């Protein structure tokens, strides 16, 4: 029982320390393809190339998310379901089988360019983060501005982000 309670407390603390998210996000404009430009490496995506997410809004308000990348020479696909809260900048993500279908993860849109050309998805304790763009490239001025803002306003270390190769 002690492990269960500790796990619940850790989950509660991570949600308490959530980031402020983008206000007035237009969920329909947000849909479509987003290329992963850089990320805080995690065991699934570390070393992957050509990675991107496709977002599709369902009639029930949920979002189908399909992540694709090439890792170790093989194409990888992960299917997820986004459940949008009252604020469309804050979601919960469910991983669809064969992943962990009973687990949900927070999804926080913490930066979004006004024309929806780039965005950043944050994670409450900064252990994860994704810089994404509508194009598979990003100029260095924009990238440097984003990581500087993430460091100053959200507490991320700019050195935590690793760029993703797109070919």
N, C-alpha and C. Protein backbone atom coordinates (compact mmCIF):
# COMPACT_ATOMS: atom_id res chain seq x y z
N UNK A 1 0.81 -1.21 0.00
CA UNK A 1 0.00 0.00 0.00
C UNK A 1 0.85 1.27 0.00
N UNK A 2 1.97 1.23 0.67
CA UNK A 2 2.82 2.41 0.77
C UNK A 2 3.25 2.89 -0.61
N UNK A 3 3.60 1.98 -1.52
CA UNK A 3 4.01 2.35 -2.87
C UNK A 3 2.86 3.02 -3.61
N UNK A 4 1.67 2.49 -3.49
CA UNK A 4 0.51 3.08 -4.15
C UNK A 4 0.31 4.52 -3.70
N UNK A 5 0.34 4.75 -2.40
CA UNK A 5 0.11 6.10 -1.88
C UNK A 5 1.21 7.06 -2.34
N UNK A 6 2.45 6.62 -2.34
CA UNK A 6 3.55 7.47 -2.79
C UNK A 6 3.37 7.83 -4.25
N UNK A 7 2.98 6.85 -5.06
CA UNK A 7 2.77 7.08 -6.49
C UNK A 7 1.65 8.10 -6.71
N UNK A 8 0.58 7.99 -5.96
CA UNK A 8 -0.55 8.93 -6.09
C UNK A 8 -0.09 10.33 -5.68
N UNK A 9 0.68 10.44 -4.62
CA UNK A 9 1.17 11.75 -4.18
C UNK A 9 2.07 12.37 -5.24
N UNK A 10 2.95 11.59 -5.84
CA UNK A 10 3.82 12.10 -6.90
C UNK A 10 2.98 12.59 -8.07
N UNK A 11 1.97 11.82 -8.47
CA UNK A 11 1.10 12.24 -9.57
C UNK A 11 0.38 13.54 -9.22
N UNK A 12 -0.12 13.64 -8.00
CA UNK A 12 -0.83 14.86 -7.60
C UNK A 12 0.11 16.05 -7.62
N UNK A 13 1.33 15.88 -7.13
CA UNK A 13 2.29 16.99 -7.11
C UNK A 13 2.64 17.43 -8.52
N UNK A 14 2.77 16.48 -9.45
CA UNK A 14 3.11 16.87 -10.82
C UNK A 14 1.99 17.68 -11.44
N UNK A 15 0.74 17.38 -11.10
CA UNK A 15 -0.35 18.15 -11.66
C UNK A 15 -0.48 19.51 -10.96
N UNK A 16 -0.10 19.58 -9.69
CA UNK A 16 -0.15 20.86 -8.99
C UNK A 16 0.86 21.85 -9.55
N UNK A 17 1.97 21.34 -10.05
CA UNK A 17 3.00 22.23 -10.57
C UNK A 17 2.89 22.41 -12.08
N UNK A 18 1.70 22.27 -12.61
CA UNK A 18 1.48 22.43 -14.04
C UNK A 18 1.85 23.84 -14.49
N UNK A 19 2.22 23.94 -15.73
CA UNK A 19 2.56 25.23 -16.33
C UNK A 19 1.31 26.01 -16.70
N UNK A 20 1.42 27.33 -16.77
CA UNK A 20 0.33 28.09 -17.40
C UNK A 20 0.32 27.70 -18.88
N UNK A 21 -0.86 27.56 -19.43
CA UNK A 21 -0.98 27.14 -20.82
C UNK A 21 -1.52 28.28 -21.68
N UNK A 22 -1.41 28.09 -22.98
CA UNK A 22 -1.90 29.07 -23.95
C UNK A 22 -3.41 29.24 -23.76
N UNK A 23 -3.83 30.47 -23.70
CA UNK A 23 -5.25 30.79 -23.60
C UNK A 23 -5.83 30.98 -25.01
N UNK A 24 -7.09 30.72 -25.18
CA UNK A 24 -7.81 30.96 -26.43
C UNK A 24 -7.24 30.17 -27.61
N UNK A 25 -6.75 28.97 -27.36
CA UNK A 25 -6.25 28.13 -28.43
C UNK A 25 -7.42 27.69 -29.30
N UNK A 26 -7.32 27.89 -30.61
CA UNK A 26 -8.35 27.46 -31.56
C UNK A 26 -8.04 26.01 -31.92
N UNK A 27 -8.80 25.09 -31.36
CA UNK A 27 -8.50 23.68 -31.49
C UNK A 27 -8.55 23.21 -32.95
N UNK A 28 -9.44 23.76 -33.75
CA UNK A 28 -9.51 23.36 -35.17
C UNK A 28 -8.28 23.83 -35.93
N UNK A 29 -7.82 25.03 -35.65
CA UNK A 29 -6.61 25.54 -36.31
C UNK A 29 -5.37 24.76 -35.86
N UNK A 30 -5.42 24.24 -34.65
CA UNK A 30 -4.31 23.49 -34.08
C UNK A 30 -4.13 22.11 -34.75
N UNK A 31 -5.21 21.59 -35.31
CA UNK A 31 -5.17 20.25 -35.91
C UNK A 31 -4.23 20.22 -37.12
N UNK A 32 -3.78 19.01 -37.47
CA UNK A 32 -2.90 18.84 -38.62
C UNK A 32 -1.57 18.27 -38.20
N UNK A 33 -0.59 18.44 -39.04
CA UNK A 33 0.75 17.87 -38.81
C UNK A 33 1.65 18.87 -38.09
N UNK A 34 2.35 18.34 -37.07
CA UNK A 34 3.35 19.09 -36.32
C UNK A 34 4.63 18.25 -36.30
N UNK A 35 5.72 18.79 -36.81
CA UNK A 35 7.02 18.11 -36.81
C UNK A 35 7.73 18.37 -35.49
N UNK A 36 8.36 17.35 -34.95
CA UNK A 36 9.16 17.50 -33.73
C UNK A 36 10.51 18.08 -34.12
N UNK A 37 10.77 19.30 -33.69
CA UNK A 37 12.02 19.99 -33.99
C UNK A 37 13.07 19.65 -32.93
N UNK A 38 12.64 19.62 -31.68
CA UNK A 38 13.54 19.28 -30.57
C UNK A 38 12.69 18.75 -29.42
N UNK A 39 13.35 18.01 -28.53
CA UNK A 39 12.64 17.45 -27.39
C UNK A 39 13.61 17.19 -26.25
N UNK A 40 13.03 17.08 -25.06
CA UNK A 40 13.78 16.56 -23.94
C UNK A 40 13.75 15.04 -24.14
N UNK A 41 14.90 14.43 -24.38
CA UNK A 41 14.90 13.01 -24.77
C UNK A 41 14.18 12.11 -23.77
N UNK A 42 13.48 11.14 -24.32
CA UNK A 42 12.82 10.11 -23.53
C UNK A 42 13.10 8.77 -24.21
N UNK A 43 12.87 7.70 -23.54
CA UNK A 43 13.27 6.38 -24.04
C UNK A 43 12.57 6.00 -25.34
N UNK A 44 11.41 6.53 -25.61
CA UNK A 44 10.69 6.18 -26.83
C UNK A 44 11.25 6.95 -28.03
N UNK A 45 11.51 8.24 -27.84
CA UNK A 45 11.87 9.10 -28.96
C UNK A 45 13.37 9.36 -29.12
N UNK A 46 14.15 9.06 -28.11
CA UNK A 46 15.59 9.34 -28.18
C UNK A 46 16.22 8.59 -29.35
N UNK A 47 16.90 9.32 -30.21
CA UNK A 47 17.54 8.72 -31.38
C UNK A 47 16.64 8.58 -32.60
N UNK A 48 15.38 8.97 -32.48
CA UNK A 48 14.45 8.89 -33.62
C UNK A 48 14.70 10.06 -34.57
N UNK A 49 14.43 9.84 -35.85
CA UNK A 49 14.52 10.89 -36.86
C UNK A 49 13.19 11.01 -37.57
N UNK A 50 13.02 12.11 -38.30
CA UNK A 50 11.80 12.34 -39.10
C UNK A 50 10.52 12.21 -38.29
N UNK A 51 10.52 12.66 -37.05
CA UNK A 51 9.35 12.47 -36.19
C UNK A 51 8.34 13.60 -36.33
N UNK A 52 7.08 13.20 -36.25
CA UNK A 52 5.97 14.16 -36.33
C UNK A 52 4.72 13.57 -35.70
N UNK A 53 3.79 14.45 -35.39
CA UNK A 53 2.46 14.07 -34.90
C UNK A 53 1.42 14.58 -35.88
N UNK A 54 0.40 13.77 -36.13
CA UNK A 54 -0.79 14.20 -36.85
C UNK A 54 -1.94 14.25 -35.86
N UNK A 55 -2.65 15.39 -35.81
CA UNK A 55 -3.76 15.59 -34.90
C UNK A 55 -5.06 15.67 -35.71
N UNK A 56 -6.05 14.89 -35.30
CA UNK A 56 -7.35 14.88 -35.98
C UNK A 56 -8.44 15.04 -34.92
N UNK A 57 -9.28 16.07 -35.08
CA UNK A 57 -10.37 16.33 -34.15
C UNK A 57 -11.55 15.41 -34.46
N UNK A 58 -12.03 14.71 -33.44
CA UNK A 58 -13.18 13.82 -33.59
C UNK A 58 -14.47 14.55 -33.26
N UNK A 59 -15.59 14.01 -33.70
CA UNK A 59 -16.89 14.65 -33.47
C UNK A 59 -17.24 14.73 -31.99
N UNK A 60 -16.66 13.86 -31.16
CA UNK A 60 -16.93 13.90 -29.72
C UNK A 60 -15.99 14.86 -28.97
N UNK A 61 -15.13 15.57 -29.70
CA UNK A 61 -14.24 16.53 -29.08
C UNK A 61 -12.88 15.96 -28.68
N UNK A 62 -12.72 14.64 -28.77
CA UNK A 62 -11.40 14.05 -28.50
C UNK A 62 -10.53 14.24 -29.74
N UNK A 63 -9.25 13.97 -29.56
CA UNK A 63 -8.30 14.16 -30.66
C UNK A 63 -7.52 12.87 -30.87
N UNK A 64 -7.53 12.38 -32.10
CA UNK A 64 -6.69 11.25 -32.46
C UNK A 64 -5.31 11.79 -32.79
N UNK A 65 -4.29 11.22 -32.16
CA UNK A 65 -2.91 11.65 -32.38
C UNK A 65 -2.12 10.44 -32.88
N UNK A 66 -1.47 10.62 -34.00
CA UNK A 66 -0.62 9.57 -34.53
C UNK A 66 0.80 10.12 -34.61
N UNK A 67 1.69 9.51 -33.84
CA UNK A 67 3.11 9.86 -33.84
C UNK A 67 3.82 8.90 -34.77
N UNK A 68 4.66 9.44 -35.65
CA UNK A 68 5.47 8.60 -36.54
C UNK A 68 6.90 9.09 -36.50
N UNK A 69 7.82 8.14 -36.59
CA UNK A 69 9.25 8.44 -36.60
C UNK A 69 9.98 7.22 -37.12
N UNK A 70 11.25 7.41 -37.42
CA UNK A 70 12.12 6.31 -37.78
C UNK A 70 13.14 6.18 -36.65
N UNK A 71 13.23 4.98 -36.08
CA UNK A 71 14.19 4.72 -35.01
C UNK A 71 14.83 3.37 -35.27
N UNK A 72 16.13 3.34 -35.18
CA UNK A 72 16.89 2.10 -35.44
C UNK A 72 16.55 1.53 -36.81
N UNK A 73 16.33 2.43 -37.78
CA UNK A 73 16.06 2.01 -39.15
C UNK A 73 14.65 1.53 -39.42
N UNK A 74 13.78 1.57 -38.41
CA UNK A 74 12.40 1.08 -38.57
C UNK A 74 11.41 2.21 -38.32
N UNK A 75 10.33 2.23 -39.11
CA UNK A 75 9.29 3.21 -38.87
C UNK A 75 8.51 2.81 -37.63
N UNK A 76 8.31 3.79 -36.74
CA UNK A 76 7.57 3.57 -35.49
C UNK A 76 6.30 4.40 -35.53
N UNK A 77 5.24 3.83 -35.02
CA UNK A 77 3.96 4.53 -34.93
C UNK A 77 3.41 4.35 -33.53
N UNK A 78 2.96 5.45 -32.94
CA UNK A 78 2.29 5.40 -31.64
C UNK A 78 0.96 6.13 -31.80
N UNK A 79 -0.10 5.48 -31.41
CA UNK A 79 -1.43 6.09 -31.47
C UNK A 79 -1.85 6.51 -30.06
N UNK A 80 -2.40 7.72 -30.00
CA UNK A 80 -2.83 8.29 -28.73
C UNK A 80 -4.19 8.95 -28.90
N UNK A 81 -4.84 9.20 -27.79
CA UNK A 81 -6.12 9.91 -27.78
C UNK A 81 -5.98 11.09 -26.85
N UNK A 82 -6.26 12.28 -27.36
CA UNK A 82 -6.22 13.49 -26.55
C UNK A 82 -7.60 13.82 -26.02
N UNK A 83 -7.67 14.09 -24.73
CA UNK A 83 -8.93 14.49 -24.10
C UNK A 83 -8.73 15.92 -23.63
N UNK A 84 -9.42 16.83 -24.26
CA UNK A 84 -9.24 18.26 -24.02
C UNK A 84 -10.04 18.68 -22.79
N UNK A 85 -9.41 19.48 -21.93
CA UNK A 85 -10.10 20.00 -20.74
C UNK A 85 -10.90 21.24 -21.13
N UNK A 86 -11.42 21.93 -20.13
CA UNK A 86 -12.15 23.17 -20.41
C UNK A 86 -11.27 24.20 -21.09
N UNK A 87 -9.98 24.17 -20.81
CA UNK A 87 -9.03 25.03 -21.49
C UNK A 87 -8.37 24.21 -22.60
N UNK A 88 -8.58 24.56 -23.87
CA UNK A 88 -8.03 23.73 -24.95
C UNK A 88 -6.51 23.67 -25.01
N UNK A 89 -5.81 24.42 -24.16
CA UNK A 89 -4.37 24.33 -24.08
C UNK A 89 -3.90 23.23 -23.13
N UNK A 90 -4.83 22.59 -22.44
CA UNK A 90 -4.49 21.54 -21.46
C UNK A 90 -5.29 20.28 -21.79
N UNK A 91 -4.56 19.20 -22.02
CA UNK A 91 -5.19 17.92 -22.37
C UNK A 91 -4.68 16.83 -21.45
N UNK A 92 -5.33 15.69 -21.57
CA UNK A 92 -4.81 14.43 -21.04
C UNK A 92 -4.64 13.52 -22.25
N UNK A 93 -3.56 12.77 -22.24
CA UNK A 93 -3.27 11.87 -23.35
C UNK A 93 -3.38 10.44 -22.88
N UNK A 94 -4.15 9.65 -23.63
CA UNK A 94 -4.23 8.20 -23.39
C UNK A 94 -3.44 7.52 -24.49
N UNK A 95 -2.65 6.55 -24.09
CA UNK A 95 -1.88 5.78 -25.06
C UNK A 95 -2.71 4.57 -25.46
N UNK A 96 -2.88 4.39 -26.76
CA UNK A 96 -3.69 3.31 -27.28
C UNK A 96 -2.82 2.06 -27.41
N UNK A 97 -3.44 0.90 -27.23
CA UNK A 97 -2.70 -0.36 -27.32
C UNK A 97 -1.85 -0.41 -28.57
N UNK A 98 -0.69 -1.02 -28.54
CA UNK A 98 -0.17 -1.93 -27.52
C UNK A 98 0.55 -1.23 -26.39
N UNK A 99 0.43 0.08 -26.27
CA UNK A 99 1.10 0.81 -25.20
C UNK A 99 0.35 0.63 -23.91
N UNK A 100 0.26 1.61 -23.09
CA UNK A 100 -0.35 1.48 -21.77
C UNK A 100 -1.71 2.18 -21.79
N UNK A 101 -2.76 1.47 -22.16
CA UNK A 101 -4.05 2.12 -22.38
C UNK A 101 -4.71 2.70 -21.13
N UNK A 102 -4.32 2.27 -19.92
CA UNK A 102 -4.94 2.76 -18.70
C UNK A 102 -4.23 3.99 -18.13
N UNK A 103 -3.09 4.37 -18.71
CA UNK A 103 -2.30 5.49 -18.22
C UNK A 103 -2.65 6.76 -18.99
N UNK A 104 -2.78 7.88 -18.31
CA UNK A 104 -2.93 9.17 -18.98
C UNK A 104 -1.77 10.07 -18.59
N UNK A 105 -1.37 10.90 -19.53
CA UNK A 105 -0.27 11.83 -19.30
C UNK A 105 -0.77 13.25 -19.57
N UNK A 106 -0.23 14.22 -18.86
CA UNK A 106 -0.61 15.61 -19.12
C UNK A 106 -0.02 16.11 -20.43
N UNK A 107 -0.72 17.02 -21.06
CA UNK A 107 -0.30 17.64 -22.32
C UNK A 107 -0.60 19.12 -22.17
N UNK A 108 0.44 19.94 -22.17
CA UNK A 108 0.28 21.37 -21.93
C UNK A 108 0.87 22.16 -23.09
N UNK A 109 0.02 22.88 -23.80
CA UNK A 109 0.52 23.77 -24.86
C UNK A 109 0.93 25.06 -24.16
N UNK A 110 2.25 25.22 -23.98
CA UNK A 110 2.74 26.36 -23.18
C UNK A 110 3.23 27.52 -24.04
N UNK A 111 3.48 27.27 -25.30
CA UNK A 111 3.82 28.34 -26.24
C UNK A 111 3.16 28.02 -27.57
N UNK A 112 2.66 29.05 -28.23
CA UNK A 112 2.03 28.87 -29.54
C UNK A 112 2.19 30.17 -30.32
N UNK A 113 2.83 30.08 -31.46
CA UNK A 113 3.00 31.25 -32.33
C UNK A 113 1.62 31.66 -32.86
N UNK A 114 1.39 32.95 -32.98
CA UNK A 114 0.05 33.46 -33.29
C UNK A 114 -0.56 32.92 -34.58
N UNK A 115 0.26 32.55 -35.55
CA UNK A 115 -0.24 31.98 -36.81
C UNK A 115 -0.15 30.46 -36.82
N UNK A 116 0.10 29.88 -35.65
CA UNK A 116 0.16 28.42 -35.48
C UNK A 116 1.27 27.80 -36.33
N UNK A 117 2.40 28.52 -36.44
CA UNK A 117 3.55 27.99 -37.18
C UNK A 117 4.46 27.14 -36.30
N UNK A 118 4.53 27.43 -35.00
CA UNK A 118 5.28 26.60 -34.07
C UNK A 118 4.58 26.61 -32.72
N UNK A 119 4.92 25.61 -31.93
CA UNK A 119 4.35 25.50 -30.58
C UNK A 119 5.28 24.68 -29.71
N UNK A 120 5.02 24.74 -28.40
CA UNK A 120 5.77 23.94 -27.45
C UNK A 120 4.78 23.22 -26.54
N UNK A 121 5.01 21.93 -26.38
CA UNK A 121 4.25 21.13 -25.43
C UNK A 121 5.15 20.92 -24.22
N UNK A 122 4.66 21.33 -23.06
CA UNK A 122 5.41 21.17 -21.83
C UNK A 122 4.88 20.04 -20.99
N UNK A 123 5.60 19.77 -19.92
CA UNK A 123 5.23 18.72 -18.98
C UNK A 123 5.43 19.31 -17.59
N UNK A 124 4.53 19.02 -16.64
CA UNK A 124 4.53 19.70 -15.36
C UNK A 124 5.87 19.78 -14.64
N UNK A 125 6.67 18.72 -14.62
CA UNK A 125 7.93 18.77 -13.89
C UNK A 125 9.13 18.99 -14.80
N UNK A 126 8.88 19.36 -16.06
CA UNK A 126 9.91 19.64 -17.06
C UNK A 126 10.75 18.41 -17.43
N UNK A 127 10.27 17.23 -17.08
CA UNK A 127 11.02 16.03 -17.45
C UNK A 127 10.83 15.69 -18.92
N UNK A 128 9.83 16.28 -19.54
CA UNK A 128 9.57 16.11 -20.97
C UNK A 128 9.27 17.48 -21.56
N UNK A 129 9.43 17.60 -22.85
CA UNK A 129 9.09 18.82 -23.55
C UNK A 129 9.33 18.63 -25.04
N UNK A 130 8.51 19.29 -25.86
CA UNK A 130 8.61 19.16 -27.31
C UNK A 130 8.47 20.52 -27.96
N UNK A 131 9.40 20.86 -28.82
CA UNK A 131 9.31 22.05 -29.66
C UNK A 131 8.88 21.55 -31.03
N UNK A 132 7.77 22.07 -31.53
CA UNK A 132 7.18 21.54 -32.76
C UNK A 132 6.88 22.66 -33.75
N UNK A 133 6.86 22.28 -35.02
CA UNK A 133 6.65 23.26 -36.09
C UNK A 133 5.81 22.65 -37.20
N UNK A 134 5.16 23.50 -37.96
CA UNK A 134 4.41 23.02 -39.12
C UNK A 134 5.34 22.57 -40.24
N UNK A 135 6.59 23.04 -40.20
CA UNK A 135 7.60 22.63 -41.17
C UNK A 135 8.61 21.74 -40.45
N UNK A 136 9.36 20.96 -41.21
CA UNK A 136 10.33 20.08 -40.57
C UNK A 136 11.68 20.77 -40.33
N UNK A 137 11.71 22.08 -40.48
CA UNK A 137 12.90 22.87 -40.18
C UNK A 137 12.49 24.09 -39.37
N UNK A 138 13.47 24.67 -38.68
CA UNK A 138 13.21 25.91 -37.94
C UNK A 138 14.50 26.72 -37.96
N UNK A 139 14.37 28.02 -38.24
CA UNK A 139 15.57 28.87 -38.28
C UNK A 139 16.13 29.02 -36.86
N UNK A 140 17.42 29.28 -36.78
CA UNK A 140 18.11 29.31 -35.48
C UNK A 140 17.64 30.46 -34.60
N UNK A 141 17.22 31.58 -35.19
CA UNK A 141 16.74 32.71 -34.39
C UNK A 141 15.46 32.33 -33.64
N UNK A 142 14.54 31.69 -34.35
CA UNK A 142 13.28 31.25 -33.72
C UNK A 142 13.57 30.20 -32.66
N UNK A 143 14.41 29.23 -32.99
CA UNK A 143 14.75 28.17 -32.04
C UNK A 143 15.38 28.74 -30.77
N UNK A 144 16.34 29.64 -30.95
CA UNK A 144 17.00 30.24 -29.79
C UNK A 144 16.03 31.05 -28.94
N UNK A 145 15.10 31.75 -29.58
CA UNK A 145 14.07 32.49 -28.85
C UNK A 145 13.22 31.53 -28.02
N UNK A 146 12.82 30.42 -28.61
CA UNK A 146 11.96 29.45 -27.91
C UNK A 146 12.69 28.87 -26.69
N UNK A 147 13.91 28.37 -26.87
CA UNK A 147 14.60 27.74 -25.73
C UNK A 147 14.94 28.78 -24.66
N UNK A 148 15.21 30.00 -25.06
CA UNK A 148 15.46 31.06 -24.08
C UNK A 148 14.19 31.34 -23.26
N UNK A 149 13.05 31.41 -23.94
CA UNK A 149 11.78 31.63 -23.25
C UNK A 149 11.44 30.46 -22.34
N UNK A 150 11.70 29.24 -22.81
CA UNK A 150 11.44 28.07 -21.98
C UNK A 150 12.28 28.10 -20.70
N UNK A 151 13.49 28.58 -20.81
CA UNK A 151 14.37 28.64 -19.65
C UNK A 151 13.92 29.75 -18.69
N UNK A 152 13.65 30.92 -19.23
CA UNK A 152 13.30 32.08 -18.40
C UNK A 152 11.91 31.98 -17.79
N UNK A 153 10.93 31.54 -18.56
CA UNK A 153 9.55 31.59 -18.11
C UNK A 153 9.00 30.27 -17.58
N UNK A 154 9.63 29.15 -17.93
CA UNK A 154 9.07 27.86 -17.55
C UNK A 154 10.05 26.98 -16.76
N UNK A 155 11.27 27.44 -16.58
CA UNK A 155 12.22 26.71 -15.77
C UNK A 155 12.91 25.54 -16.44
N UNK A 156 12.74 25.40 -17.74
CA UNK A 156 13.48 24.35 -18.48
C UNK A 156 14.93 24.78 -18.61
N UNK A 157 15.82 23.81 -18.70
CA UNK A 157 17.20 24.09 -19.07
C UNK A 157 17.29 24.02 -20.58
N UNK A 158 17.81 25.07 -21.20
CA UNK A 158 17.88 25.07 -22.67
C UNK A 158 18.72 23.92 -23.19
N UNK A 159 19.68 23.49 -22.40
CA UNK A 159 20.54 22.38 -22.82
C UNK A 159 19.85 21.02 -22.74
N UNK A 160 18.65 20.99 -22.14
CA UNK A 160 17.91 19.72 -22.04
C UNK A 160 17.34 19.29 -23.39
N UNK A 161 17.12 20.28 -24.28
CA UNK A 161 16.49 19.97 -25.56
C UNK A 161 17.50 19.46 -26.56
N UNK A 162 17.13 18.41 -27.27
CA UNK A 162 17.97 17.82 -28.30
C UNK A 162 17.22 17.93 -29.62
N UNK A 163 17.89 18.47 -30.63
CA UNK A 163 17.25 18.63 -31.95
C UNK A 163 17.04 17.27 -32.61
N UNK A 164 15.96 17.19 -33.37
CA UNK A 164 15.61 15.98 -34.13
C UNK A 164 16.04 16.17 -35.57
N UNK A 165 16.65 15.16 -36.15
CA UNK A 165 17.07 15.20 -37.55
C UNK A 165 15.88 14.88 -38.43
N UNK A 166 15.71 15.69 -39.48
CA UNK A 166 14.68 15.44 -40.51
C UNK A 166 15.39 15.35 -41.85
N UNK A 167 15.12 14.27 -42.57
CA UNK A 167 15.74 14.08 -43.88
C UNK A 167 14.69 14.11 -44.98
